[in-house]
Amino acid sequence: TTTIKTASGDLSLSPAAGDINIPVDIGLTFGNDGEKIEGDGTNLSIASSGNLTLTAGNVNITPSGDMNLTAGNFKIGALVMQRLTSPAQVFQ
């Protein structure tokens, strides 16, 4: 285990083997706390004060339980799904 307390400039972490471990409830921030990745040992949170962009050849999301999505409007290509304000709108 190597502990780095201060560094200037870029920091490269390149272990010969193994993982880079960040303790529980300690986040990895980008610029400020508005962009952060943090885990509590069970759940992983990715927060952005602006947009969150995922760019990949394929994106696979496989939840083991329910999947909840909260958004104003949800867009997939040209398809736009608007946020429902009541369950009755599902049947309109």
PDB file of N, CA and C in Angstrom:
ATOM      1  N   THR A   1       0.844  -1.182   0.000  1.00  0.00           N
ATOM      2  CA  THR A   1       0.000   0.000   0.000  1.00  0.00           C
ATOM      3  C   THR A   1       0.880   1.233   0.000  1.00  0.00           C
ATOM      4  N   THR A   2       0.558   2.173  -0.876  1.00  0.00           N
ATOM      5  CA  THR A   2       1.278   3.442  -0.937  1.00  0.00           C
ATOM      6  C   THR A   2       0.306   4.563  -0.641  1.00  0.00           C
ATOM      7  N   THR A   3       0.683   5.481   0.257  1.00  0.00           N
ATOM      8  CA  THR A   3      -0.146   6.623   0.592  1.00  0.00           C
ATOM      9  C   THR A   3       0.523   7.883   0.070  1.00  0.00           C
ATOM     10  N   ILE A   4      -0.236   8.684  -0.682  1.00  0.00           N
ATOM     11  CA  ILE A   4       0.260   9.951  -1.198  1.00  0.00           C
ATOM     12  C   ILE A   4      -0.524  11.048  -0.502  1.00  0.00           C
ATOM     13  N   LYS A   5       0.170  11.912   0.246  1.00  0.00           N
ATOM     14  CA  LYS A   5      -0.529  12.956   0.994  1.00  0.00           C
ATOM     15  C   LYS A   5      -0.591  14.264   0.229  1.00  0.00           C
ATOM     16  N   THR A   6       0.426  14.617  -0.528  1.00  0.00           N
ATOM     17  CA  THR A   6       0.417  15.835  -1.320  1.00  0.00           C
ATOM     18  C   THR A   6       1.090  15.556  -2.651  1.00  0.00           C
ATOM     19  N   ALA A   7       0.631  16.245  -3.658  1.00  0.00           N
ATOM     20  CA  ALA A   7       1.230  16.106  -4.980  1.00  0.00           C
ATOM     21  C   ALA A   7       0.944  17.380  -5.755  1.00  0.00           C
ATOM     22  N   SER A   8       1.795  17.697  -6.700  1.00  0.00           N
ATOM     23  CA  SER A   8       1.538  18.837  -7.575  1.00  0.00           C
ATOM     24  C   SER A   8       1.578  18.350  -9.017  1.00  0.00           C
ATOM     25  N   GLY A   9       0.846  19.014  -9.877  1.00  0.00           N
ATOM     26  CA  GLY A   9       0.767  18.590 -11.267  1.00  0.00           C
ATOM     27  C   GLY A   9      -0.086  17.344 -11.398  1.00  0.00           C
ATOM     28  N   ASP A  10       0.095  16.613 -12.487  1.00  0.00           N
ATOM     29  CA  ASP A  10      -0.650  15.372 -12.719  1.00  0.00           C
ATOM     30  C   ASP A  10      -0.160  14.283 -11.786  1.00  0.00           C
ATOM     31  N   LEU A  11      -1.074  13.380 -11.475  1.00  0.00           N
ATOM     32  CA  LEU A  11      -0.748  12.255 -10.606  1.00  0.00           C
ATOM     33  C   LEU A  11      -1.129  10.985 -11.344  1.00  0.00           C
ATOM     34  N   SER A  12      -0.176  10.117 -11.578  1.00  0.00           N
ATOM     35  CA  SER A  12      -0.441   8.844 -12.244  1.00  0.00           C
ATOM     36  C   SER A  12      -0.411   7.725 -11.220  1.00  0.00           C
ATOM     37  N   LEU A  13      -1.464   6.914 -11.215  1.00  0.00           N
ATOM     38  CA  LEU A  13      -1.535   5.765 -10.325  1.00  0.00           C
ATOM     39  C   LEU A  13      -1.463   4.520 -11.192  1.00  0.00           C
ATOM     40  N   SER A  14      -0.371   3.805 -11.108  1.00  0.00           N
ATOM     41  CA  SER A  14      -0.147   2.643 -11.961  1.00  0.00           C
ATOM     42  C   SER A  14       0.395   1.476 -11.159  1.00  0.00           C
ATOM     43  N   PRO A  15      -0.463   0.813 -10.379  1.00  0.00           N
ATOM     44  CA  PRO A  15       0.045  -0.343  -9.628  1.00  0.00           C
ATOM     45  C   PRO A  15       0.411  -1.476 -10.580  1.00  0.00           C
ATOM     46  N   ALA A  16       1.439  -2.219 -10.225  1.00  0.00           N
ATOM     47  CA  ALA A  16       1.860  -3.345 -11.045  1.00  0.00           C
ATOM     48  C   ALA A  16       0.784  -4.431 -11.057  1.00  0.00           C
ATOM     49  N   ALA A  17       0.052  -4.542  -9.977  1.00  0.00           N
ATOM     50  CA  ALA A  17      -1.041  -5.512  -9.868  1.00  0.00           C
ATOM     51  C   ALA A  17      -2.004  -5.012  -8.810  1.00  0.00           C
ATOM     52  N   GLY A  18      -3.214  -5.502  -8.831  1.00  0.00           N
ATOM     53  CA  GLY A  18      -4.184  -5.127  -7.805  1.00  0.00           C
ATOM     54  C   GLY A  18      -5.023  -3.938  -8.229  1.00  0.00           C
ATOM     55  N   ASP A  19      -5.740  -3.366  -7.268  1.00  0.00           N
ATOM     56  CA  ASP A  19      -6.680  -2.286  -7.498  1.00  0.00           C
ATOM     57  C   ASP A  19      -6.217  -1.010  -6.824  1.00  0.00           C
ATOM     58  N   ILE A  20      -6.827   0.095  -7.209  1.00  0.00           N
ATOM     59  CA  ILE A  20      -6.667   1.351  -6.503  1.00  0.00           C
ATOM     60  C   ILE A  20      -7.911   1.498  -5.636  1.00  0.00           C
ATOM     61  N   ASN A  21      -7.757   1.532  -4.324  1.00  0.00           N
ATOM     62  CA  ASN A  21      -8.887   1.542  -3.388  1.00  0.00           C
ATOM     63  C   ASN A  21      -9.091   2.920  -2.787  1.00  0.00           C
ATOM     64  N   ILE A  22     -10.349   3.372  -2.823  1.00  0.00           N
ATOM     65  CA  ILE A  22     -10.758   4.602  -2.162  1.00  0.00           C
ATOM     66  C   ILE A  22     -11.683   4.159  -1.033  1.00  0.00           C
ATOM     67  N   PRO A  23     -11.430   4.598   0.199  1.00  0.00           N
ATOM     68  CA  PRO A  23     -12.239   4.136   1.336  1.00  0.00           C
ATOM     69  C   PRO A  23     -13.725   4.455   1.183  1.00  0.00           C
ATOM     70  N   VAL A  24     -14.554   3.742   1.924  1.00  0.00           N
ATOM     71  CA  VAL A  24     -15.999   3.953   1.954  1.00  0.00           C
ATOM     72  C   VAL A  24     -16.303   5.391   2.342  1.00  0.00           C
ATOM     73  N   ASP A  25     -17.290   5.986   1.682  1.00  0.00           N
ATOM     74  CA  ASP A  25     -17.765   7.352   1.952  1.00  0.00           C
ATOM     75  C   ASP A  25     -16.716   8.434   1.698  1.00  0.00           C
ATOM     76  N   ILE A  26     -15.701   8.112   0.929  1.00  0.00           N
ATOM     77  CA  ILE A  26     -14.727   9.103   0.467  1.00  0.00           C
ATOM     78  C   ILE A  26     -14.921   9.194  -1.040  1.00  0.00           C
ATOM     79  N   GLY A  27     -15.252  10.375  -1.533  1.00  0.00           N
ATOM     80  CA  GLY A  27     -15.565  10.525  -2.947  1.00  0.00           C
ATOM     81  C   GLY A  27     -14.362  10.909  -3.795  1.00  0.00           C
ATOM     82  N   LEU A  28     -14.523  10.719  -5.071  1.00  0.00           N
ATOM     83  CA  LEU A  28     -13.555  11.155  -6.071  1.00  0.00           C
ATOM     84  C   LEU A  28     -14.204  12.332  -6.785  1.00  0.00           C
ATOM     85  N   THR A  29     -13.649  13.529  -6.614  1.00  0.00           N
ATOM     86  CA  THR A  29     -14.250  14.718  -7.198  1.00  0.00           C
ATOM     87  C   THR A  29     -13.453  15.183  -8.410  1.00  0.00           C
ATOM     88  N   PHE A  30     -14.169  15.845  -9.310  1.00  0.00           N
ATOM     89  CA  PHE A  30     -13.574  16.388 -10.523  1.00  0.00           C
ATOM     90  C   PHE A  30     -13.831  17.890 -10.528  1.00  0.00           C
ATOM     91  N   GLY A  31     -12.810  18.675 -10.212  1.00  0.00           N
ATOM     92  CA  GLY A  31     -12.956  20.122 -10.208  1.00  0.00           C
ATOM     93  C   GLY A  31     -13.551  20.650  -8.913  1.00  0.00           C
ATOM     94  N   ASN A  32     -14.748  20.216  -8.578  1.00  0.00           N
ATOM     95  CA  ASN A  32     -15.392  20.615  -7.329  1.00  0.00           C
ATOM     96  C   ASN A  32     -16.367  19.513  -6.925  1.00  0.00           C
ATOM     97  N   ASP A  33     -17.066  19.695  -5.827  1.00  0.00           N
ATOM     98  CA  ASP A  33     -17.981  18.653  -5.361  1.00  0.00           C
ATOM     99  C   ASP A  33     -19.222  18.508  -6.232  1.00  0.00           C
ATOM    100  N   GLY A  34     -19.358  19.327  -7.276  1.00  0.00           N
ATOM    101  CA  GLY A  34     -20.482  19.199  -8.201  1.00  0.00           C
ATOM    102  C   GLY A  34     -20.334  18.017  -9.135  1.00  0.00           C
ATOM    103  N   GLU A  35     -19.140  17.490  -9.274  1.00  0.00           N
ATOM    104  CA  GLU A  35     -18.870  16.308 -10.090  1.00  0.00           C
ATOM    105  C   GLU A  35     -18.144  15.298  -9.204  1.00  0.00           C
ATOM    106  N   LYS A  36     -18.840  14.228  -8.869  1.00  0.00           N
ATOM    107  CA  LYS A  36     -18.302  13.332  -7.849  1.00  0.00           C
ATOM    108  C   LYS A  36     -18.757  11.896  -8.061  1.00  0.00           C
ATOM    109  N   ILE A  37     -17.883  10.958  -7.770  1.00  0.00           N
ATOM    110  CA  ILE A  37     -18.195   9.534  -7.726  1.00  0.00           C
ATOM    111  C   ILE A  37     -17.892   9.069  -6.307  1.00  0.00           C
ATOM    112  N   GLU A  38     -18.873   8.395  -5.689  1.00  0.00           N
ATOM    113  CA  GLU A  38     -18.678   7.961  -4.305  1.00  0.00           C
ATOM    114  C   GLU A  38     -19.459   6.687  -4.031  1.00  0.00           C
ATOM    115  N   GLY A  39     -18.873   5.811  -3.235  1.00  0.00           N
ATOM    116  CA  GLY A  39     -19.537   4.577  -2.841  1.00  0.00           C
ATOM    117  C   GLY A  39     -19.584   4.441  -1.338  1.00  0.00           C
ATOM    118  N   ASP A  40     -20.621   3.742  -0.856  1.00  0.00           N
ATOM    119  CA  ASP A  40     -20.745   3.530   0.587  1.00  0.00           C
ATOM    120  C   ASP A  40     -20.545   2.068   0.970  1.00  0.00           C
ATOM    121  N   GLY A  41     -20.012   1.276   0.076  1.00  0.00           N
ATOM    122  CA  GLY A  41     -19.825  -0.145   0.330  1.00  0.00           C
ATOM    123  C   GLY A  41     -20.956  -0.981  -0.247  1.00  0.00           C
ATOM    124  N   THR A  42     -22.073  -0.343  -0.576  1.00  0.00           N
ATOM    125  CA  THR A  42     -23.222  -1.020  -1.165  1.00  0.00           C
ATOM    126  C   THR A  42     -23.670  -0.335  -2.448  1.00  0.00           C
ATOM    127  N   ASN A  43     -23.812   0.993  -2.403  1.00  0.00           N
ATOM    128  CA  ASN A  43     -24.325   1.764  -3.526  1.00  0.00           C
ATOM    129  C   ASN A  43     -23.255   2.689  -4.082  1.00  0.00           C
ATOM    130  N   LEU A  44     -23.296   2.925  -5.390  1.00  0.00           N
ATOM    131  CA  LEU A  44     -22.383   3.835  -6.056  1.00  0.00           C
ATOM    132  C   LEU A  44     -23.178   5.012  -6.578  1.00  0.00           C
ATOM    133  N   SER A  45     -22.724   6.222  -6.265  1.00  0.00           N
ATOM    134  CA  SER A  45     -23.382   7.443  -6.732  1.00  0.00           C
ATOM    135  C   SER A  45     -22.463   8.178  -7.684  1.00  0.00           C
ATOM    136  N   ILE A  46     -23.030   8.625  -8.806  1.00  0.00           N
ATOM    137  CA  ILE A  46     -22.325   9.481  -9.751  1.00  0.00           C
ATOM    138  C   ILE A  46     -23.131  10.768  -9.819  1.00  0.00           C
ATOM    139  N   ALA A  47     -22.532  11.875  -9.432  1.00  0.00           N
ATOM    140  CA  ALA A  47     -23.242  13.151  -9.396  1.00  0.00           C
ATOM    141  C   ALA A  47     -22.579  14.145 -10.334  1.00  0.00           C
ATOM    142  N   SER A  48     -23.408  14.925 -11.002  1.00  0.00           N
ATOM    143  CA  SER A  48     -22.925  15.996 -11.861  1.00  0.00           C
ATOM    144  C   SER A  48     -23.808  17.210 -11.663  1.00  0.00           C
ATOM    145  N   SER A  49     -23.205  18.388 -11.517  1.00  0.00           N
ATOM    146  CA  SER A  49     -23.997  19.603 -11.390  1.00  0.00           C
ATOM    147  C   SER A  49     -24.505  20.075 -12.746  1.00  0.00           C
ATOM    148  N   GLY A  50     -24.022  19.454 -13.817  1.00  0.00           N
ATOM    149  CA  GLY A  50     -24.479  19.761 -15.173  1.00  0.00           C
ATOM    150  C   GLY A  50     -24.969  18.499 -15.840  1.00  0.00           C
ATOM    151  N   ASN A  51     -24.470  18.224 -17.022  1.00  0.00           N
ATOM    152  CA  ASN A  51     -24.859  17.030 -17.776  1.00  0.00           C
ATOM    153  C   ASN A  51     -23.962  15.862 -17.424  1.00  0.00           C
ATOM    154  N   LEU A  52     -24.506  14.661 -17.530  1.00  0.00           N
ATOM    155  CA  LEU A  52     -23.740  13.431 -17.413  1.00  0.00           C
ATOM    156  C   LEU A  52     -23.781  12.780 -18.785  1.00  0.00           C
ATOM    157  N   THR A  53     -22.647  12.620 -19.413  1.00  0.00           N
ATOM    158  CA  THR A  53     -22.567  12.075 -20.758  1.00  0.00           C
ATOM    159  C   THR A  53     -21.873  10.722 -20.721  1.00  0.00           C
ATOM    160  N   LEU A  54     -22.539   9.703 -21.248  1.00  0.00           N
ATOM    161  CA  LEU A  54     -21.947   8.378 -21.405  1.00  0.00           C
ATOM    162  C   LEU A  54     -21.725   8.157 -22.898  1.00  0.00           C
ATOM    163  N   THR A  55     -20.496   7.927 -23.288  1.00  0.00           N
ATOM    164  CA  THR A  55     -20.175   7.693 -24.687  1.00  0.00           C
ATOM    165  C   THR A  55     -19.509   6.331 -24.796  1.00  0.00           C
ATOM    166  N   ALA A  56     -20.120   5.458 -25.570  1.00  0.00           N
ATOM    167  CA  ALA A  56     -19.578   4.109 -25.733  1.00  0.00           C
ATOM    168  C   ALA A  56     -20.153   3.496 -26.999  1.00  0.00           C
ATOM    169  N   GLY A  57     -19.511   2.454 -27.483  1.00  0.00           N
ATOM    170  CA  GLY A  57     -20.065   1.714 -28.611  1.00  0.00           C
ATOM    171  C   GLY A  57     -21.405   1.108 -28.248  1.00  0.00           C
ATOM    172  N   ASN A  58     -21.496   0.538 -27.064  1.00  0.00           N
ATOM    173  CA  ASN A  58     -22.731  -0.020 -26.518  1.00  0.00           C
ATOM    174  C   ASN A  58     -22.801   0.325 -25.044  1.00  0.00           C
ATOM    175  N   VAL A  59     -24.005   0.553 -24.546  1.00  0.00           N
ATOM    176  CA  VAL A  59     -24.217   0.776 -23.122  1.00  0.00           C
ATOM    177  C   VAL A  59     -25.195  -0.283 -22.644  1.00  0.00           C
ATOM    178  N   ASN A  60     -24.764  -1.102 -21.716  1.00  0.00           N
ATOM    179  CA  ASN A  60     -25.606  -2.153 -21.159  1.00  0.00           C
ATOM    180  C   ASN A  60     -25.871  -1.849 -19.698  1.00  0.00           C
ATOM    181  N   ILE A  61     -27.151  -1.771 -19.339  1.00  0.00           N
ATOM    182  CA  ILE A  61     -27.544  -1.560 -17.952  1.00  0.00           C
ATOM    183  C   ILE A  61     -28.355  -2.774 -17.535  1.00  0.00           C
ATOM    184  N   THR A  62     -27.855  -3.494 -16.542  1.00  0.00           N
ATOM    185  CA  THR A  62     -28.512  -4.713 -16.097  1.00  0.00           C
ATOM    186  C   THR A  62     -28.790  -4.614 -14.608  1.00  0.00           C
ATOM    187  N   PRO A  63     -29.944  -4.072 -14.230  1.00  0.00           N
ATOM    188  CA  PRO A  63     -30.247  -3.974 -12.803  1.00  0.00           C
ATOM    189  C   PRO A  63     -30.656  -5.333 -12.240  1.00  0.00           C
ATOM    190  N   SER A  64     -30.306  -5.575 -10.992  1.00  0.00           N
ATOM    191  CA  SER A  64     -30.738  -6.815 -10.340  1.00  0.00           C
ATOM    192  C   SER A  64     -32.106  -6.639  -9.698  1.00  0.00           C
ATOM    193  N   GLY A  65     -32.576  -5.406  -9.630  1.00  0.00           N
ATOM    194  CA  GLY A  65     -33.899  -5.111  -9.069  1.00  0.00           C
ATOM    195  C   GLY A  65     -34.582  -4.084  -9.946  1.00  0.00           C
ATOM    196  N   ASP A  66     -35.380  -3.232  -9.333  1.00  0.00           N
ATOM    197  CA  ASP A  66     -36.080  -2.192 -10.069  1.00  0.00           C
ATOM    198  C   ASP A  66     -35.095  -1.151 -10.588  1.00  0.00           C
ATOM    199  N   MET A  67     -35.475  -0.507 -11.691  1.00  0.00           N
ATOM    200  CA  MET A  67     -34.681   0.590 -12.230  1.00  0.00           C
ATOM    201  C   MET A  67     -35.570   1.820 -12.274  1.00  0.00           C
ATOM    202  N   ASN A  68     -35.151   2.885 -11.621  1.00  0.00           N
ATOM    203  CA  ASN A  68     -35.929   4.112 -11.559  1.00  0.00           C
ATOM    204  C   ASN A  68     -35.210   5.196 -12.334  1.00  0.00           C
ATOM    205  N   LEU A  69     -35.954   5.915 -13.160  1.00  0.00           N
ATOM    206  CA  LEU A  69     -35.404   7.015 -13.941  1.00  0.00           C
ATOM    207  C   LEU A  69     -36.270   8.233 -13.700  1.00  0.00           C
ATOM    208  N   THR A  70     -35.649   9.313 -13.246  1.00  0.00           N
ATOM    209  CA  THR A  70     -36.363  10.559 -13.040  1.00  0.00           C
ATOM    210  C   THR A  70     -35.722  11.600 -13.940  1.00  0.00           C
ATOM    211  N   ALA A  71     -36.508  12.166 -14.829  1.00  0.00           N
ATOM    212  CA  ALA A  71     -35.985  13.164 -15.763  1.00  0.00           C
ATOM    213  C   ALA A  71     -37.117  14.060 -16.213  1.00  0.00           C
ATOM    214  N   GLY A  72     -36.770  15.262 -16.654  1.00  0.00           N
ATOM    215  CA  GLY A  72     -37.771  16.137 -17.235  1.00  0.00           C
ATOM    216  C   GLY A  72     -38.292  15.504 -18.517  1.00  0.00           C
ATOM    217  N   ASN A  73     -37.457  15.379 -19.505  1.00  0.00           N
ATOM    218  CA  ASN A  73     -37.745  14.648 -20.738  1.00  0.00           C
ATOM    219  C   ASN A  73     -36.621  13.650 -20.936  1.00  0.00           C
ATOM    220  N   PHE A  74     -36.942  12.471 -21.384  1.00  0.00           N
ATOM    221  CA  PHE A  74     -35.956  11.419 -21.621  1.00  0.00           C
ATOM    222  C   PHE A  74     -35.845  11.214 -23.122  1.00  0.00           C
ATOM    223  N   LYS A  75     -34.634  11.318 -23.676  1.00  0.00           N
ATOM    224  CA  LYS A  75     -34.451  11.241 -25.121  1.00  0.00           C
ATOM    225  C   LYS A  75     -33.589  10.037 -25.491  1.00  0.00           C
ATOM    226  N   ILE A  76     -34.041   9.282 -26.470  1.00  0.00           N
ATOM    227  CA  ILE A  76     -33.255   8.212 -27.074  1.00  0.00           C
ATOM    228  C   ILE A  76     -33.280   8.491 -28.574  1.00  0.00           C
ATOM    229  N   GLY A  77     -32.176   9.013 -29.104  1.00  0.00           N
ATOM    230  CA  GLY A  77     -32.156   9.401 -30.508  1.00  0.00           C
ATOM    231  C   GLY A  77     -33.231  10.444 -30.759  1.00  0.00           C
ATOM    232  N   ALA A  78     -34.105  10.197 -31.739  1.00  0.00           N
ATOM    233  CA  ALA A  78     -35.181  11.133 -32.073  1.00  0.00           C
ATOM    234  C   ALA A  78     -36.411  10.926 -31.191  1.00  0.00           C
ATOM    235  N   LEU A  79     -36.476   9.836 -30.441  1.00  0.00           N
ATOM    236  CA  LEU A  79     -37.616   9.534 -29.588  1.00  0.00           C
ATOM    237  C   LEU A  79     -37.517  10.346 -28.300  1.00  0.00           C
ATOM    238  N   VAL A  80     -38.558  11.093 -27.966  1.00  0.00           N
ATOM    239  CA  VAL A  80     -38.596  11.877 -26.736  1.00  0.00           C
ATOM    240  C   VAL A  80     -39.760  11.389 -25.897  1.00  0.00           C
ATOM    241  N   MET A  81     -39.469  10.968 -24.676  1.00  0.00           N
ATOM    242  CA  MET A  81     -40.518  10.572 -23.746  1.00  0.00           C
ATOM    243  C   MET A  81     -40.661  11.684 -22.724  1.00  0.00           C
ATOM    244  N   GLN A  82     -41.842  12.274 -22.641  1.00  0.00           N
ATOM    245  CA  GLN A  82     -42.060  13.367 -21.710  1.00  0.00           C
ATOM    246  C   GLN A  82     -42.421  12.832 -20.338  1.00  0.00           C
ATOM    247  N   ARG A  83     -42.029  13.584 -19.330  1.00  0.00           N
ATOM    248  CA  ARG A  83     -42.313  13.205 -17.948  1.00  0.00           C
ATOM    249  C   ARG A  83     -43.821  13.243 -17.693  1.00  0.00           C
ATOM    250  N   LEU A  84     -44.329  12.199 -17.098  1.00  0.00           N
ATOM    251  CA  LEU A  84     -45.751  12.125 -16.769  1.00  0.00           C
ATOM    252  C   LEU A  84     -46.015  12.867 -15.466  1.00  0.00           C
ATOM    253  N   THR A  85     -47.125  13.603 -15.421  1.00  0.00           N
ATOM    254  CA  THR A  85     -47.478  14.298 -14.188  1.00  0.00           C
ATOM    255  C   THR A  85     -48.479  13.515 -13.365  1.00  0.00           C
ATOM    256  N   SER A  86     -49.098  12.470 -13.973  1.00  0.00           N
ATOM    257  CA  SER A  86     -50.019  11.626 -13.215  1.00  0.00           C
ATOM    258  C   SER A  86     -50.083  10.255 -13.869  1.00  0.00           C
ATOM    259  N   PRO A  87     -50.392   9.198 -13.087  1.00  0.00           N
ATOM    260  CA  PRO A  87     -50.492   7.853 -13.658  1.00  0.00           C
ATOM    261  C   PRO A  87     -51.532   7.750 -14.768  1.00  0.00           C
ATOM    262  N   ALA A  88     -52.569   8.604 -14.742  1.00  0.00           N
ATOM    263  CA  ALA A  88     -53.622   8.554 -15.750  1.00  0.00           C
ATOM    264  C   ALA A  88     -53.078   8.876 -17.144  1.00  0.00           C
ATOM    265  N   GLN A  89     -51.988   9.614 -17.246  1.00  0.00           N
ATOM    266  CA  GLN A  89     -51.437   9.969 -18.547  1.00  0.00           C
ATOM    267  C   GLN A  89     -50.921   8.756 -19.318  1.00  0.00           C
ATOM    268  N   VAL A  90     -50.604   7.686 -18.630  1.00  0.00           N
ATOM    269  CA  VAL A  90     -50.106   6.474 -19.288  1.00  0.00           C
ATOM    270  C   VAL A  90     -51.137   5.966 -20.283  1.00  0.00           C
ATOM    271  N   PHE A  91     -52.418   6.130 -19.998  1.00  0.00           N
ATOM    272  CA  PHE A  91     -53.485   5.579 -20.821  1.00  0.00           C
ATOM    273  C   PHE A  91     -54.052   6.569 -21.817  1.00  0.00           C
ATOM    274  N   GLN A  92     -53.488   7.767 -21.930  1.00  0.00           N
ATOM    275  CA  GLN A  92     -54.005   8.753 -22.878  1.00  0.00           C
ATOM    276  C   GLN A  92     -53.467   8.502 -24.265  1.00  0.00           C
TER     277      GLN A  92
END
